[in-house]
Amino acid sequence: MPIPTHEIDAAVTACIYDRDERKAPDEHRRGKFLNGWEDATRRHKVYEADALERLTWKNLGYRLGQRFGALEPARIDSVFAYLAGAWREPKVVE
């Protein structure tokens, strides 16, 4: 069963960071997202606060992995696909 999109949206909205440095989603970034998710759930890594000051696909995967727990790769891919579809170039604040 996929994670409901409103739950994904709420989890992303709850993320605290200084700047969004995500680039356009592609297969490489999908892999980074999956690695971040598995860092949180399978490898039990702890990302330092300074790494979380900026939002990347990898640490977004990590944050969502912390929130939703271990899932099979197909379910994680569906979360990435949803986020990739909603992704927009971050606006630069001057």
PDB file of N, CA and C in Angstrom:
ATOM      1  N   MET A   1       0.851  -1.187   0.000  1.00  0.00           N
ATOM      2  CA  MET A   1       0.000   0.000   0.000  1.00  0.00           C
ATOM      3  C   MET A   1       0.892   1.244   0.000  1.00  0.00           C
ATOM      4  N   PRO A   2       0.652   2.174  -0.916  1.00  0.00           N
ATOM      5  CA  PRO A   2       1.478   3.385  -0.959  1.00  0.00           C
ATOM      6  C   PRO A   2       1.186   4.309   0.222  1.00  0.00           C
ATOM      7  N   ILE A   3       2.162   5.120   0.539  1.00  0.00           N
ATOM      8  CA  ILE A   3       1.965   6.139   1.572  1.00  0.00           C
ATOM      9  C   ILE A   3       1.066   7.221   0.972  1.00  0.00           C
ATOM     10  N   PRO A   4       0.006   7.603   1.657  1.00  0.00           N
ATOM     11  CA  PRO A   4      -0.874   8.651   1.121  1.00  0.00           C
ATOM     12  C   PRO A   4      -0.104   9.949   0.858  1.00  0.00           C
ATOM     13  N   THR A   5      -0.419  10.593  -0.240  1.00  0.00           N
ATOM     14  CA  THR A   5       0.321  11.799  -0.611  1.00  0.00           C
ATOM     15  C   THR A   5       0.211  12.906   0.436  1.00  0.00           C
ATOM     16  N   HIS A   6      -0.918  12.987   1.115  1.00  0.00           N
ATOM     17  CA  HIS A   6      -1.023  14.040   2.135  1.00  0.00           C
ATOM     18  C   HIS A   6      -0.058  13.783   3.288  1.00  0.00           C
ATOM     19  N   GLU A   7       0.261  12.517   3.565  1.00  0.00           N
ATOM     20  CA  GLU A   7       1.242  12.206   4.611  1.00  0.00           C
ATOM     21  C   GLU A   7       2.655  12.542   4.146  1.00  0.00           C
ATOM     22  N   ILE A   8       2.943  12.303   2.875  1.00  0.00           N
ATOM     23  CA  ILE A   8       4.247  12.680   2.323  1.00  0.00           C
ATOM     24  C   ILE A   8       4.394  14.197   2.374  1.00  0.00           C
ATOM     25  N   ASP A   9       3.360  14.914   1.929  1.00  0.00           N
ATOM     26  CA  ASP A   9       3.390  16.380   1.946  1.00  0.00           C
ATOM     27  C   ASP A   9       3.619  16.901   3.362  1.00  0.00           C
ATOM     28  N   ALA A  10       2.932  16.329   4.341  1.00  0.00           N
ATOM     29  CA  ALA A  10       3.083  16.770   5.729  1.00  0.00           C
ATOM     30  C   ALA A  10       4.502  16.514   6.230  1.00  0.00           C
ATOM     31  N   ALA A  11       5.078  15.379   5.859  1.00  0.00           N
ATOM     32  CA  ALA A  11       6.434  15.042   6.297  1.00  0.00           C
ATOM     33  C   ALA A  11       7.452  15.998   5.686  1.00  0.00           C
ATOM     34  N   VAL A  12       7.281  16.333   4.420  1.00  0.00           N
ATOM     35  CA  VAL A  12       8.204  17.261   3.767  1.00  0.00           C
ATOM     36  C   VAL A  12       8.050  18.659   4.362  1.00  0.00           C
ATOM     37  N   THR A  13       6.827  19.067   4.598  1.00  0.00           N
ATOM     38  CA  THR A  13       6.567  20.385   5.187  1.00  0.00           C
ATOM     39  C   THR A  13       7.189  20.498   6.577  1.00  0.00           C
ATOM     40  N   ALA A  14       7.253  19.408   7.307  1.00  0.00           N
ATOM     41  CA  ALA A  14       7.814  19.408   8.659  1.00  0.00           C
ATOM     42  C   ALA A  14       9.341  19.471   8.665  1.00  0.00           C
ATOM     43  N   CYS A  15       9.971  19.263   7.524  1.00  0.00           N
ATOM     44  CA  CYS A  15      11.438  19.301   7.453  1.00  0.00           C
ATOM     45  C   CYS A  15      11.939  20.717   7.727  1.00  0.00           C
ATOM     46  N   ILE A  16      12.956  20.800   8.555  1.00  0.00           N
ATOM     47  CA  ILE A  16      13.566  22.090   8.871  1.00  0.00           C
ATOM     48  C   ILE A  16      14.929  22.141   8.191  1.00  0.00           C
ATOM     49  N   TYR A  17      15.154  23.188   7.413  1.00  0.00           N
ATOM     50  CA  TYR A  17      16.414  23.357   6.694  1.00  0.00           C
ATOM     51  C   TYR A  17      16.560  24.830   6.318  1.00  0.00           C
ATOM     52  N   ASP A  18      17.795  25.230   6.031  1.00  0.00           N
ATOM     53  CA  ASP A  18      18.062  26.617   5.650  1.00  0.00           C
ATOM     54  C   ASP A  18      17.874  26.864   4.166  1.00  0.00           C
ATOM     55  N   ARG A  19      18.252  25.868   3.345  1.00  0.00           N
ATOM     56  CA  ARG A  19      18.155  26.057   1.904  1.00  0.00           C
ATOM     57  C   ARG A  19      17.894  24.729   1.208  1.00  0.00           C
ATOM     58  N   ASP A  20      17.141  24.806   0.147  1.00  0.00           N
ATOM     59  CA  ASP A  20      16.808  23.637  -0.659  1.00  0.00           C
ATOM     60  C   ASP A  20      17.815  23.563  -1.794  1.00  0.00           C
ATOM     61  N   GLU A  21      18.682  22.554  -1.768  1.00  0.00           N
ATOM     62  CA  GLU A  21      19.713  22.406  -2.797  1.00  0.00           C
ATOM     63  C   GLU A  21      19.420  21.236  -3.734  1.00  0.00           C
ATOM     64  N   ARG A  22      18.181  20.755  -3.726  1.00  0.00           N
ATOM     65  CA  ARG A  22      17.845  19.652  -4.626  1.00  0.00           C
ATOM     66  C   ARG A  22      17.900  20.114  -6.073  1.00  0.00           C
ATOM     67  N   LYS A  23      18.498  19.279  -6.892  1.00  0.00           N
ATOM     68  CA  LYS A  23      18.543  19.503  -8.332  1.00  0.00           C
ATOM     69  C   LYS A  23      17.391  18.717  -8.957  1.00  0.00           C
ATOM     70  N   ALA A  24      17.187  18.920 -10.247  1.00  0.00           N
ATOM     71  CA  ALA A  24      16.104  18.232 -10.943  1.00  0.00           C
ATOM     72  C   ALA A  24      16.212  16.718 -10.728  1.00  0.00           C
ATOM     73  N   PRO A  25      15.096  16.077 -10.413  1.00  0.00           N
ATOM     74  CA  PRO A  25      15.126  14.638 -10.142  1.00  0.00           C
ATOM     75  C   PRO A  25      15.504  13.833 -11.390  1.00  0.00           C
ATOM     76  N   ASP A  26      16.320  12.813 -11.165  1.00  0.00           N
ATOM     77  CA  ASP A  26      16.707  11.887 -12.225  1.00  0.00           C
ATOM     78  C   ASP A  26      17.061  10.555 -11.560  1.00  0.00           C
ATOM     79  N   GLU A  27      17.549   9.611 -12.328  1.00  0.00           N
ATOM     80  CA  GLU A  27      17.852   8.286 -11.770  1.00  0.00           C
ATOM     81  C   GLU A  27      18.966   8.335 -10.726  1.00  0.00           C
ATOM     82  N   HIS A  28      19.967   9.179 -10.947  1.00  0.00           N
ATOM     83  CA  HIS A  28      21.049   9.320  -9.969  1.00  0.00           C
ATOM     84  C   HIS A  28      20.498   9.824  -8.633  1.00  0.00           C
ATOM     85  N   ARG A  29      19.648  10.812  -8.701  1.00  0.00           N
ATOM     86  CA  ARG A  29      19.085  11.381  -7.466  1.00  0.00           C
ATOM     87  C   ARG A  29      18.077  10.428  -6.826  1.00  0.00           C
ATOM     88  N   ARG A  30      17.414   9.613  -7.637  1.00  0.00           N
ATOM     89  CA  ARG A  30      16.547   8.575  -7.079  1.00  0.00           C
ATOM     90  C   ARG A  30      17.386   7.607  -6.242  1.00  0.00           C
ATOM     91  N   GLY A  31      18.552   7.253  -6.736  1.00  0.00           N
ATOM     92  CA  GLY A  31      19.451   6.380  -5.990  1.00  0.00           C
ATOM     93  C   GLY A  31      19.921   7.022  -4.700  1.00  0.00           C
ATOM     94  N   LYS A  32      20.224   8.310  -4.739  1.00  0.00           N
ATOM     95  CA  LYS A  32      20.631   9.040  -3.532  1.00  0.00           C
ATOM     96  C   LYS A  32      19.496   9.049  -2.508  1.00  0.00           C
ATOM     97  N   PHE A  33      18.275   9.278  -2.975  1.00  0.00           N
ATOM     98  CA  PHE A  33      17.099   9.290  -2.106  1.00  0.00           C
ATOM     99  C   PHE A  33      16.950   7.931  -1.408  1.00  0.00           C
ATOM    100  N   LEU A  34      17.059   6.859  -2.186  1.00  0.00           N
ATOM    101  CA  LEU A  34      16.968   5.508  -1.628  1.00  0.00           C
ATOM    102  C   LEU A  34      18.090   5.257  -0.633  1.00  0.00           C
ATOM    103  N   ASN A  35      19.312   5.688  -0.956  1.00  0.00           N
ATOM    104  CA  ASN A  35      20.433   5.516  -0.020  1.00  0.00           C
ATOM    105  C   ASN A  35      20.190   6.258   1.282  1.00  0.00           C
ATOM    106  N   GLY A  36      19.671   7.477   1.191  1.00  0.00           N
ATOM    107  CA  GLY A  36      19.367   8.240   2.399  1.00  0.00           C
ATOM    108  C   GLY A  36      18.322   7.545   3.249  1.00  0.00           C
ATOM    109  N   TRP A  37      17.280   7.019   2.591  1.00  0.00           N
ATOM    110  CA  TRP A  37      16.214   6.307   3.306  1.00  0.00           C
ATOM    111  C   TRP A  37      16.807   5.100   4.037  1.00  0.00           C
ATOM    112  N   GLU A  38      17.667   4.357   3.328  1.00  0.00           N
ATOM    113  CA  GLU A  38      18.267   3.169   3.937  1.00  0.00           C
ATOM    114  C   GLU A  38      19.316   3.521   4.981  1.00  0.00           C
ATOM    115  N   ASP A  39      19.945   4.698   4.869  1.00  0.00           N
ATOM    116  CA  ASP A  39      20.839   5.156   5.938  1.00  0.00           C
ATOM    117  C   ASP A  39      20.064   5.251   7.245  1.00  0.00           C
ATOM    118  N   ALA A  40      18.839   5.761   7.167  1.00  0.00           N
ATOM    119  CA  ALA A  40      18.019   5.934   8.366  1.00  0.00           C
ATOM    120  C   ALA A  40      17.464   4.620   8.886  1.00  0.00           C
ATOM    121  N   THR A  41      17.070   3.730   7.976  1.00  0.00           N
ATOM    122  CA  THR A  41      16.298   2.558   8.404  1.00  0.00           C
ATOM    123  C   THR A  41      17.096   1.268   8.488  1.00  0.00           C
ATOM    124  N   ARG A  42      18.009   1.061   7.584  1.00  0.00           N
ATOM    125  CA  ARG A  42      18.751  -0.209   7.560  1.00  0.00           C
ATOM    126  C   ARG A  42      20.152  -0.081   8.152  1.00  0.00           C
ATOM    127  N   ARG A  43      20.798   1.053   7.870  1.00  0.00           N
ATOM    128  CA  ARG A  43      22.168   1.241   8.356  1.00  0.00           C
ATOM    129  C   ARG A  43      22.208   2.004   9.682  1.00  0.00           C
ATOM    130  N   HIS A  44      21.094   2.582  10.070  1.00  0.00           N
ATOM    131  CA  HIS A  44      20.949   3.303  11.342  1.00  0.00           C
ATOM    132  C   HIS A  44      22.006   4.393  11.516  1.00  0.00           C
ATOM    133  N   LYS A  45      22.295   5.091  10.422  1.00  0.00           N
ATOM    134  CA  LYS A  45      23.224   6.217  10.491  1.00  0.00           C
ATOM    135  C   LYS A  45      22.516   7.411  11.115  1.00  0.00           C
ATOM    136  N   VAL A  46      23.297   8.307  11.645  1.00  0.00           N
ATOM    137  CA  VAL A  46      22.769   9.551  12.195  1.00  0.00           C
ATOM    138  C   VAL A  46      23.419  10.692  11.432  1.00  0.00           C
ATOM    139  N   TYR A  47      22.609  11.482  10.759  1.00  0.00           N
ATOM    140  CA  TYR A  47      23.122  12.636  10.030  1.00  0.00           C
ATOM    141  C   TYR A  47      23.291  13.787  11.015  1.00  0.00           C
ATOM    142  N   GLU A  48      24.420  14.445  10.930  1.00  0.00           N
ATOM    143  CA  GLU A  48      24.713  15.590  11.794  1.00  0.00           C
ATOM    144  C   GLU A  48      23.845  16.794  11.402  1.00  0.00           C
ATOM    145  N   ALA A  49      23.641  17.680  12.342  1.00  0.00           N
ATOM    146  CA  ALA A  49      22.785  18.850  12.118  1.00  0.00           C
ATOM    147  C   ALA A  49      23.262  19.694  10.941  1.00  0.00           C
ATOM    148  N   ASP A  50      24.579  19.839  10.781  1.00  0.00           N
ATOM    149  CA  ASP A  50      25.066  20.678   9.684  1.00  0.00           C
ATOM    150  C   ASP A  50      24.735  20.065   8.321  1.00  0.00           C
ATOM    151  N   ALA A  51      24.667  18.749   8.234  1.00  0.00           N
ATOM    152  CA  ALA A  51      24.280  18.096   6.979  1.00  0.00           C
ATOM    153  C   ALA A  51      22.801  18.315   6.674  1.00  0.00           C
ATOM    154  N   LEU A  52      22.013  18.563   7.693  1.00  0.00           N
ATOM    155  CA  LEU A  52      20.576  18.749   7.510  1.00  0.00           C
ATOM    156  C   LEU A  52      20.186  20.217   7.333  1.00  0.00           C
ATOM    157  N   GLU A  53      21.188  21.120   7.372  1.00  0.00           N
ATOM    158  CA  GLU A  53      20.893  22.534   7.157  1.00  0.00           C
ATOM    159  C   GLU A  53      20.442  22.806   5.729  1.00  0.00           C
ATOM    160  N   ARG A  54      20.886  21.948   4.817  1.00  0.00           N
ATOM    161  CA  ARG A  54      20.492  22.079   3.422  1.00  0.00           C
ATOM    162  C   ARG A  54      19.693  20.842   3.047  1.00  0.00           C
ATOM    163  N   LEU A  55      18.715  21.027   2.202  1.00  0.00           N
ATOM    164  CA  LEU A  55      17.874  19.914   1.774  1.00  0.00           C
ATOM    165  C   LEU A  55      18.422  19.355   0.470  1.00  0.00           C
ATOM    166  N   THR A  56      18.759  18.071   0.483  1.00  0.00           N
ATOM    167  CA  THR A  56      19.209  17.356  -0.711  1.00  0.00           C
ATOM    168  C   THR A  56      18.291  16.150  -0.877  1.00  0.00           C
ATOM    169  N   TRP A  57      18.363  15.509  -2.034  1.00  0.00           N
ATOM    170  CA  TRP A  57      17.550  14.304  -2.226  1.00  0.00           C
ATOM    171  C   TRP A  57      17.963  13.223  -1.231  1.00  0.00           C
ATOM    172  N   LYS A  58      19.268  13.128  -0.952  1.00  0.00           N
ATOM    173  CA  LYS A  58      19.730  12.086  -0.032  1.00  0.00           C
ATOM    174  C   LYS A  58      19.198  12.326   1.371  1.00  0.00           C
ATOM    175  N   ASN A  59      19.356  13.560   1.888  1.00  0.00           N
ATOM    176  CA  ASN A  59      18.886  13.743   3.258  1.00  0.00           C
ATOM    177  C   ASN A  59      17.369  13.866   3.355  1.00  0.00           C
ATOM    178  N   LEU A  60      16.693  14.155   2.236  1.00  0.00           N
ATOM    179  CA  LEU A  60      15.234  14.070   2.258  1.00  0.00           C
ATOM    180  C   LEU A  60      14.815  12.606   2.396  1.00  0.00           C
ATOM    181  N   GLY A  61      15.498  11.723   1.677  1.00  0.00           N
ATOM    182  CA  GLY A  61      15.239  10.295   1.851  1.00  0.00           C
ATOM    183  C   GLY A  61      15.492   9.858   3.283  1.00  0.00           C
ATOM    184  N   TYR A  62      16.576  10.360   3.867  1.00  0.00           N
ATOM    185  CA  TYR A  62      16.908  10.046   5.263  1.00  0.00           C
ATOM    186  C   TYR A  62      15.783  10.506   6.205  1.00  0.00           C
ATOM    187  N   ARG A  63      15.344  11.734   6.033  1.00  0.00           N
ATOM    188  CA  ARG A  63      14.303  12.295   6.897  1.00  0.00           C
ATOM    189  C   ARG A  63      12.991  11.508   6.776  1.00  0.00           C
ATOM    190  N   LEU A  64      12.632  11.168   5.528  1.00  0.00           N
ATOM    191  CA  LEU A  64      11.390  10.419   5.333  1.00  0.00           C
ATOM    192  C   LEU A  64      11.536   8.982   5.817  1.00  0.00           C
ATOM    193  N   GLY A  65      12.724   8.419   5.683  1.00  0.00           N
ATOM    194  CA  GLY A  65      12.972   7.090   6.230  1.00  0.00           C
ATOM    195  C   GLY A  65      12.798   7.079   7.735  1.00  0.00           C
ATOM    196  N   GLN A  66      13.268   8.128   8.401  1.00  0.00           N
ATOM    197  CA  GLN A  66      13.060   8.238   9.852  1.00  0.00           C
ATOM    198  C   GLN A  66      11.571   8.294  10.174  1.00  0.00           C
ATOM    199  N   ARG A  67      10.836   9.000   9.361  1.00  0.00           N
ATOM    200  CA  ARG A  67       9.403   9.202   9.619  1.00  0.00           C
ATOM    201  C   ARG A  67       8.562   7.960   9.303  1.00  0.00           C
ATOM    202  N   PHE A  68       8.834   7.313   8.172  1.00  0.00           N
ATOM    203  CA  PHE A  68       7.972   6.214   7.721  1.00  0.00           C
ATOM    204  C   PHE A  68       8.555   4.822   7.949  1.00  0.00           C
ATOM    205  N   GLY A  69       9.821   4.749   8.306  1.00  0.00           N
ATOM    206  CA  GLY A  69      10.431   3.452   8.609  1.00  0.00           C
ATOM    207  C   GLY A  69      10.855   2.681   7.368  1.00  0.00           C
ATOM    208  N   ALA A  70      11.318   1.459   7.611  1.00  0.00           N
ATOM    209  CA  ALA A  70      11.815   0.602   6.540  1.00  0.00           C
ATOM    210  C   ALA A  70      10.663   0.167   5.625  1.00  0.00           C
ATOM    211  N   LEU A  71      10.869   0.339   4.346  1.00  0.00           N
ATOM    212  CA  LEU A  71       9.894  -0.077   3.329  1.00  0.00           C
ATOM    213  C   LEU A  71      10.644  -0.781   2.210  1.00  0.00           C
ATOM    214  N   GLU A  72       9.925  -1.550   1.427  1.00  0.00           N
ATOM    215  CA  GLU A  72      10.561  -2.182   0.280  1.00  0.00           C
ATOM    216  C   GLU A  72      10.889  -1.098  -0.758  1.00  0.00           C
ATOM    217  N   PRO A  73      11.941  -1.330  -1.555  1.00  0.00           N
ATOM    218  CA  PRO A  73      12.383  -0.310  -2.517  1.00  0.00           C
ATOM    219  C   PRO A  73      11.283   0.207  -3.447  1.00  0.00           C
ATOM    220  N   ALA A  74      10.345  -0.635  -3.856  1.00  0.00           N
ATOM    221  CA  ALA A  74       9.266  -0.180  -4.746  1.00  0.00           C
ATOM    222  C   ALA A  74       8.406   0.890  -4.071  1.00  0.00           C
ATOM    223  N   ARG A  75       8.171   0.766  -2.786  1.00  0.00           N
ATOM    224  CA  ARG A  75       7.366   1.781  -2.081  1.00  0.00           C
ATOM    225  C   ARG A  75       8.157   3.081  -1.922  1.00  0.00           C
ATOM    226  N   ILE A  76       9.464   2.954  -1.674  1.00  0.00           N
ATOM    227  CA  ILE A  76      10.308   4.151  -1.576  1.00  0.00           C
ATOM    228  C   ILE A  76      10.355   4.837  -2.936  1.00  0.00           C
ATOM    229  N   ASP A  77      10.463   4.045  -4.005  1.00  0.00           N
ATOM    230  CA  ASP A  77      10.447   4.606  -5.360  1.00  0.00           C
ATOM    231  C   ASP A  77       9.158   5.363  -5.639  1.00  0.00           C
ATOM    232  N   SER A  78       8.039   4.873  -5.127  1.00  0.00           N
ATOM    233  CA  SER A  78       6.776   5.567  -5.365  1.00  0.00           C
ATOM    234  C   SER A  78       6.746   6.913  -4.638  1.00  0.00           C
ATOM    235  N   VAL A  79       7.379   6.980  -3.472  1.00  0.00           N
ATOM    236  CA  VAL A  79       7.477   8.273  -2.762  1.00  0.00           C
ATOM    237  C   VAL A  79       8.342   9.223  -3.583  1.00  0.00           C
ATOM    238  N   PHE A  80       9.486   8.726  -4.064  1.00  0.00           N
ATOM    239  CA  PHE A  80      10.359   9.567  -4.880  1.00  0.00           C
ATOM    240  C   PHE A  80       9.627  10.029  -6.137  1.00  0.00           C
ATOM    241  N   ALA A  81       8.910   9.133  -6.794  1.00  0.00           N
ATOM    242  CA  ALA A  81       8.185   9.494  -8.011  1.00  0.00           C
ATOM    243  C   ALA A  81       7.173  10.605  -7.731  1.00  0.00           C
ATOM    244  N   TYR A  82       6.479  10.521  -6.616  1.00  0.00           N
ATOM    245  CA  TYR A  82       5.524  11.564  -6.247  1.00  0.00           C
ATOM    246  C   TYR A  82       6.250  12.893  -6.037  1.00  0.00           C
ATOM    247  N   LEU A  83       7.346  12.856  -5.271  1.00  0.00           N
ATOM    248  CA  LEU A  83       8.095  14.080  -4.995  1.00  0.00           C
ATOM    249  C   LEU A  83       8.731  14.642  -6.265  1.00  0.00           C
ATOM    250  N   ALA A  84       9.208  13.757  -7.132  1.00  0.00           N
ATOM    251  CA  ALA A  84       9.806  14.202  -8.392  1.00  0.00           C
ATOM    252  C   ALA A  84       8.761  14.915  -9.250  1.00  0.00           C
ATOM    253  N   GLY A  85       7.544  14.402  -9.264  1.00  0.00           N
ATOM    254  CA  GLY A  85       6.477  15.033 -10.020  1.00  0.00           C
ATOM    255  C   GLY A  85       6.082  16.391  -9.483  1.00  0.00           C
ATOM    256  N   ALA A  86       6.272  16.595  -8.196  1.00  0.00           N
ATOM    257  CA  ALA A  86       5.905  17.859  -7.557  1.00  0.00           C
ATOM    258  C   ALA A  86       7.075  18.839  -7.476  1.00  0.00           C
ATOM    259  N   TRP A  87       8.288  18.373  -7.831  1.00  0.00           N
ATOM    260  CA  TRP A  87       9.486  19.195  -7.677  1.00  0.00           C
ATOM    261  C   TRP A  87       9.455  20.414  -8.580  1.00  0.00           C
ATOM    262  N   ARG A  88       9.880  21.531  -8.035  1.00  0.00           N
ATOM    263  CA  ARG A  88      10.037  22.771  -8.790  1.00  0.00           C
ATOM    264  C   ARG A  88      11.402  23.349  -8.434  1.00  0.00           C
ATOM    265  N   GLU A  89      11.996  24.021  -9.368  1.00  0.00           N
ATOM    266  CA  GLU A  89      13.303  24.672  -9.124  1.00  0.00           C
ATOM    267  C   GLU A  89      13.161  25.593  -7.917  1.00  0.00           C
ATOM    268  N   PRO A  90      14.040  25.424  -6.904  1.00  0.00           N
ATOM    269  CA  PRO A  90      13.961  26.310  -5.732  1.00  0.00           C
ATOM    270  C   PRO A  90      14.202  27.764  -6.131  1.00  0.00           C
ATOM    271  N   LYS A  91      13.471  28.655  -5.502  1.00  0.00           N
ATOM    272  CA  LYS A  91      13.630  30.077  -5.770  1.00  0.00           C
ATOM    273  C   LYS A  91      14.790  30.596  -4.933  1.00  0.00           C
ATOM    274  N   VAL A  92      15.621  31.426  -5.556  1.00  0.00           N
ATOM    275  CA  VAL A  92      16.752  32.035  -4.872  1.00  0.00           C
ATOM    276  C   VAL A  92      16.249  33.301  -4.188  1.00  0.00           C
ATOM    277  N   VAL A  93      16.506  33.379  -2.890  1.00  0.00           N
ATOM    278  CA  VAL A  93      16.108  34.556  -2.119  1.00  0.00           C
ATOM    279  C   VAL A  93      17.320  35.459  -2.003  1.00  0.00           C
ATOM    280  N   GLU A  94      17.178  36.687  -2.459  1.00  0.00           N
ATOM    281  CA  GLU A  94      18.307  37.625  -2.414  1.00  0.00           C
ATOM    282  C   GLU A  94      18.101  38.683  -1.376  1.00  0.00           C
TER     283      GLU A  94
END
